[in-house]
Amino acid sequence: MNRTELIFATAVILFAAFCLGWMANWLVNRFNRVTKAEIGELDRMAQALHEAEETRDQAINYVHQREAEITNQLSQTEAELRAAMDGLRDARHEAEELRRYIEQKNLG
C-alpha cells in the first residue's frame, strides 16, 4: 500500500464516520422532537402550577390572619380570666373577713 492509497483509505473511513455521526444525530433529534401537543400540555401544567401557588399563598395568608385573631382572642380571654380570678380572690377574702366579724359579734 503506497502513500496515496493510505490517504484515500483514511479519507474514505473519515467520510464514513462523518456520515454515520450525522445520521445518528438526525435520528436522535427525530426521536427527541417536542410536538405542539406536548408544548400545549406543558403550558397547561405551568398555568395549573401557577394557580396552585396562588391558592397556596392565599391559604397561608388566611391561616396567618386567623392565627393572629385567635391569638388576640386568647390574650383577651386570659386577661378576663385573670380579672375574674382576682375578683374571686377579693370576694373570698372579703367573705372570710365578714365571717370573722360575724363570729366575733356572736361570741362577744
C-alpha atoms as a PDB file:
ATOM      1  CA  MET A   1       0.000   0.000   0.000  1.00  0.00           C
ATOM      2  CA  ASN A   2       1.538   3.246  -1.048  1.00  0.00           C
ATOM      3  CA  ARG A   3       1.084   6.696   0.359  1.00  0.00           C
ATOM      4  CA  THR A   4      -1.762   7.748  -1.970  1.00  0.00           C
ATOM      5  CA  GLU A   5      -3.785   4.623  -1.223  1.00  0.00           C
ATOM      6  CA  LEU A   6      -3.330   5.156   2.528  1.00  0.00           C
ATOM      7  CA  ILE A   7      -4.534   8.772   2.278  1.00  0.00           C
ATOM      8  CA  PHE A   8      -7.511   7.702   0.147  1.00  0.00           C
ATOM      9  CA  ALA A   9      -8.442   4.875   2.569  1.00  0.00           C
ATOM     10  CA  THR A  10      -8.168   7.240   5.548  1.00  0.00           C
ATOM     11  CA  ALA A  11     -10.354   9.826   3.754  1.00  0.00           C
ATOM     12  CA  VAL A  12     -12.997   7.190   2.982  1.00  0.00           C
ATOM     13  CA  ILE A  13     -13.021   5.956   6.600  1.00  0.00           C
ATOM     14  CA  LEU A  14     -13.291   9.520   7.960  1.00  0.00           C
ATOM     15  CA  PHE A  15     -16.098  10.338   5.487  1.00  0.00           C
ATOM     16  CA  ALA A  16     -17.970   7.161   6.500  1.00  0.00           C
ATOM     17  CA  ALA A  17     -17.554   8.058  10.200  1.00  0.00           C
ATOM     18  CA  PHE A  18     -18.849  11.572   9.471  1.00  0.00           C
ATOM     19  CA  CYS A  19     -21.883  10.170   7.628  1.00  0.00           C
ATOM     20  CA  LEU A  20     -22.642   7.703  10.453  1.00  0.00           C
ATOM     21  CA  GLY A  21     -22.358  10.511  13.048  1.00  0.00           C
ATOM     22  CA  TRP A  22     -24.620  12.776  11.024  1.00  0.00           C
ATOM     23  CA  MET A  23     -27.225  10.025  10.637  1.00  0.00           C
ATOM     24  CA  ALA A  24     -27.059   9.207  14.358  1.00  0.00           C
ATOM     25  CA  ASN A  25     -27.546  12.900  15.197  1.00  0.00           C
ATOM     26  CA  TRP A  26     -30.517  13.096  12.805  1.00  0.00           C
ATOM     27  CA  LEU A  27     -32.111  10.007  14.407  1.00  0.00           C
ATOM     28  CA  VAL A  28     -31.629  11.317  17.945  1.00  0.00           C
ATOM     29  CA  ASN A  29     -33.147  14.685  17.008  1.00  0.00           C
ATOM     30  CA  ARG A  30     -36.006  12.934  15.221  1.00  0.00           C
ATOM     31  CA  PHE A  31     -36.911  10.885  18.311  1.00  0.00           C
ATOM     32  CA  ASN A  32     -36.453  13.753  20.776  1.00  0.00           C
ATOM     33  CA  ARG A  33     -38.561  16.265  18.861  1.00  0.00           C
ATOM     34  CA  VAL A  34     -41.140  18.033  21.026  1.00  0.00           C
ATOM     35  CA  THR A  35     -44.604  18.205  19.469  1.00  0.00           C
ATOM     36  CA  LYS A  36     -47.017  21.128  19.695  1.00  0.00           C
ATOM     37  CA  ALA A  37     -49.355  18.983  21.792  1.00  0.00           C
ATOM     38  CA  GLU A  38     -46.601  18.405  24.332  1.00  0.00           C
ATOM     39  CA  ILE A  39     -45.835  22.128  24.430  1.00  0.00           C
ATOM     40  CA  GLY A  40     -49.539  22.849  24.966  1.00  0.00           C
ATOM     41  CA  GLU A  41     -49.632  20.315  27.785  1.00  0.00           C
ATOM     42  CA  LEU A  42     -46.571  21.929  29.376  1.00  0.00           C
ATOM     43  CA  ASP A  43     -48.278  25.337  29.138  1.00  0.00           C
ATOM     44  CA  ARG A  44     -51.408  23.948  30.814  1.00  0.00           C
ATOM     45  CA  MET A  45     -49.325  22.364  33.555  1.00  0.00           C
ATOM     46  CA  ALA A  46     -47.442  25.636  34.122  1.00  0.00           C
ATOM     47  CA  GLN A  47     -50.733  27.546  34.378  1.00  0.00           C
ATOM     48  CA  ALA A  48     -52.150  24.971  36.811  1.00  0.00           C
ATOM     49  CA  LEU A  49     -48.969  25.188  38.904  1.00  0.00           C
ATOM     50  CA  HIS A  50     -49.204  28.991  38.958  1.00  0.00           C
ATOM     51  CA  GLU A  51     -52.841  28.839  40.092  1.00  0.00           C
ATOM     52  CA  ALA A  52     -51.978  26.263  42.763  1.00  0.00           C
ATOM     53  CA  GLU A  53     -49.191  28.507  44.073  1.00  0.00           C
ATOM     54  CA  GLU A  54     -51.563  31.472  44.235  1.00  0.00           C
ATOM     55  CA  THR A  55     -54.126  29.368  46.093  1.00  0.00           C
ATOM     56  CA  ARG A  56     -51.418  28.196  48.494  1.00  0.00           C
ATOM     57  CA  ASP A  57     -50.318  31.782  49.130  1.00  0.00           C
ATOM     58  CA  GLN A  58     -53.923  32.824  49.807  1.00  0.00           C
ATOM     59  CA  ALA A  59     -54.346  29.890  52.196  1.00  0.00           C
ATOM     60  CA  ILE A  60     -51.141  30.794  54.027  1.00  0.00           C
ATOM     61  CA  ASN A  61     -52.299  34.408  54.359  1.00  0.00           C
ATOM     62  CA  TYR A  62     -55.684  33.249  55.679  1.00  0.00           C
ATOM     63  CA  VAL A  63     -54.007  30.950  58.201  1.00  0.00           C
ATOM     64  CA  HIS A  64     -51.764  33.779  59.414  1.00  0.00           C
ATOM     65  CA  GLN A  65     -54.746  36.125  59.769  1.00  0.00           C
ATOM     66  CA  ARG A  66     -56.769  33.501  61.591  1.00  0.00           C
ATOM     67  CA  GLU A  67     -53.827  32.693  63.866  1.00  0.00           C
ATOM     68  CA  ALA A  68     -53.461  36.385  64.743  1.00  0.00           C
ATOM     69  CA  GLU A  69     -57.205  36.628  65.504  1.00  0.00           C
ATOM     70  CA  ILE A  70     -57.130  33.523  67.673  1.00  0.00           C
ATOM     71  CA  THR A  71     -54.014  34.714  69.491  1.00  0.00           C
ATOM     72  CA  ASN A  72     -55.753  38.026  70.172  1.00  0.00           C
ATOM     73  CA  GLN A  73     -58.865  36.237  71.451  1.00  0.00           C
ATOM     74  CA  LEU A  74     -56.704  34.018  73.651  1.00  0.00           C
ATOM     75  CA  SER A  75     -54.954  37.048  75.126  1.00  0.00           C
ATOM     76  CA  GLN A  76     -58.291  38.715  75.837  1.00  0.00           C
ATOM     77  CA  THR A  77     -59.668  35.545  77.398  1.00  0.00           C
ATOM     78  CA  GLU A  78     -56.580  35.154  79.587  1.00  0.00           C
ATOM     79  CA  ALA A  79     -56.902  38.782  80.713  1.00  0.00           C
ATOM     80  CA  GLU A  80     -60.583  38.231  81.536  1.00  0.00           C
ATOM     81  CA  LEU A  81     -59.681  35.034  83.419  1.00  0.00           C
ATOM     82  CA  ARG A  82     -57.040  36.877  85.439  1.00  0.00           C
ATOM     83  CA  ALA A  83     -59.541  39.623  86.253  1.00  0.00           C
ATOM     84  CA  ALA A  84     -62.153  37.054  87.254  1.00  0.00           C
ATOM     85  CA  MET A  85     -59.647  35.169  89.426  1.00  0.00           C
ATOM     86  CA  ASP A  86     -58.589  38.439  91.104  1.00  0.00           C
ATOM     87  CA  GLY A  87     -62.240  39.293  91.714  1.00  0.00           C
ATOM     88  CA  LEU A  88     -62.889  35.819  93.137  1.00  0.00           C
ATOM     89  CA  ARG A  89     -59.833  36.098  95.396  1.00  0.00           C
ATOM     90  CA  ASP A  90     -61.030  39.503  96.646  1.00  0.00           C
ATOM     91  CA  ALA A  91     -64.550  38.130  97.205  1.00  0.00           C
ATOM     92  CA  ARG A  92     -63.190  35.139  99.176  1.00  0.00           C
ATOM     93  CA  HIS A  93     -61.031  37.446 101.247  1.00  0.00           C
ATOM     94  CA  GLU A  94     -63.991  39.731 101.906  1.00  0.00           C
ATOM     95  CA  ALA A  95     -66.215  36.736 102.765  1.00  0.00           C
ATOM     96  CA  GLU A  96     -63.572  35.468 105.201  1.00  0.00           C
ATOM     97  CA  GLU A  97     -63.390  38.897 106.852  1.00  0.00           C
ATOM     98  CA  LEU A  98     -67.182  39.023 107.126  1.00  0.00           C
ATOM     99  CA  ARG A  99     -67.207  35.517 108.655  1.00  0.00           C
ATOM    100  CA  ARG A 100     -64.651  36.576 111.265  1.00  0.00           C
ATOM    101  CA  TYR A 101     -66.612  39.746 112.010  1.00  0.00           C
ATOM    102  CA  ILE A 102     -69.860  37.782 112.435  1.00  0.00           C
ATOM    103  CA  GLU A 103     -68.124  35.203 114.651  1.00  0.00           C
ATOM    104  CA  GLN A 104     -66.669  37.982 116.794  1.00  0.00           C
ATOM    105  CA  LYS A 105     -70.087  39.632 117.141  1.00  0.00           C
ATOM    106  CA  ASN A 106     -71.729  36.321 118.019  1.00  0.00           C
ATOM    107  CA  LEU A 107     -69.121  35.444 120.612  1.00  0.00           C
ATOM    108  CA  GLY A 108     -68.663  38.925 122.025  1.00  0.00           C
END
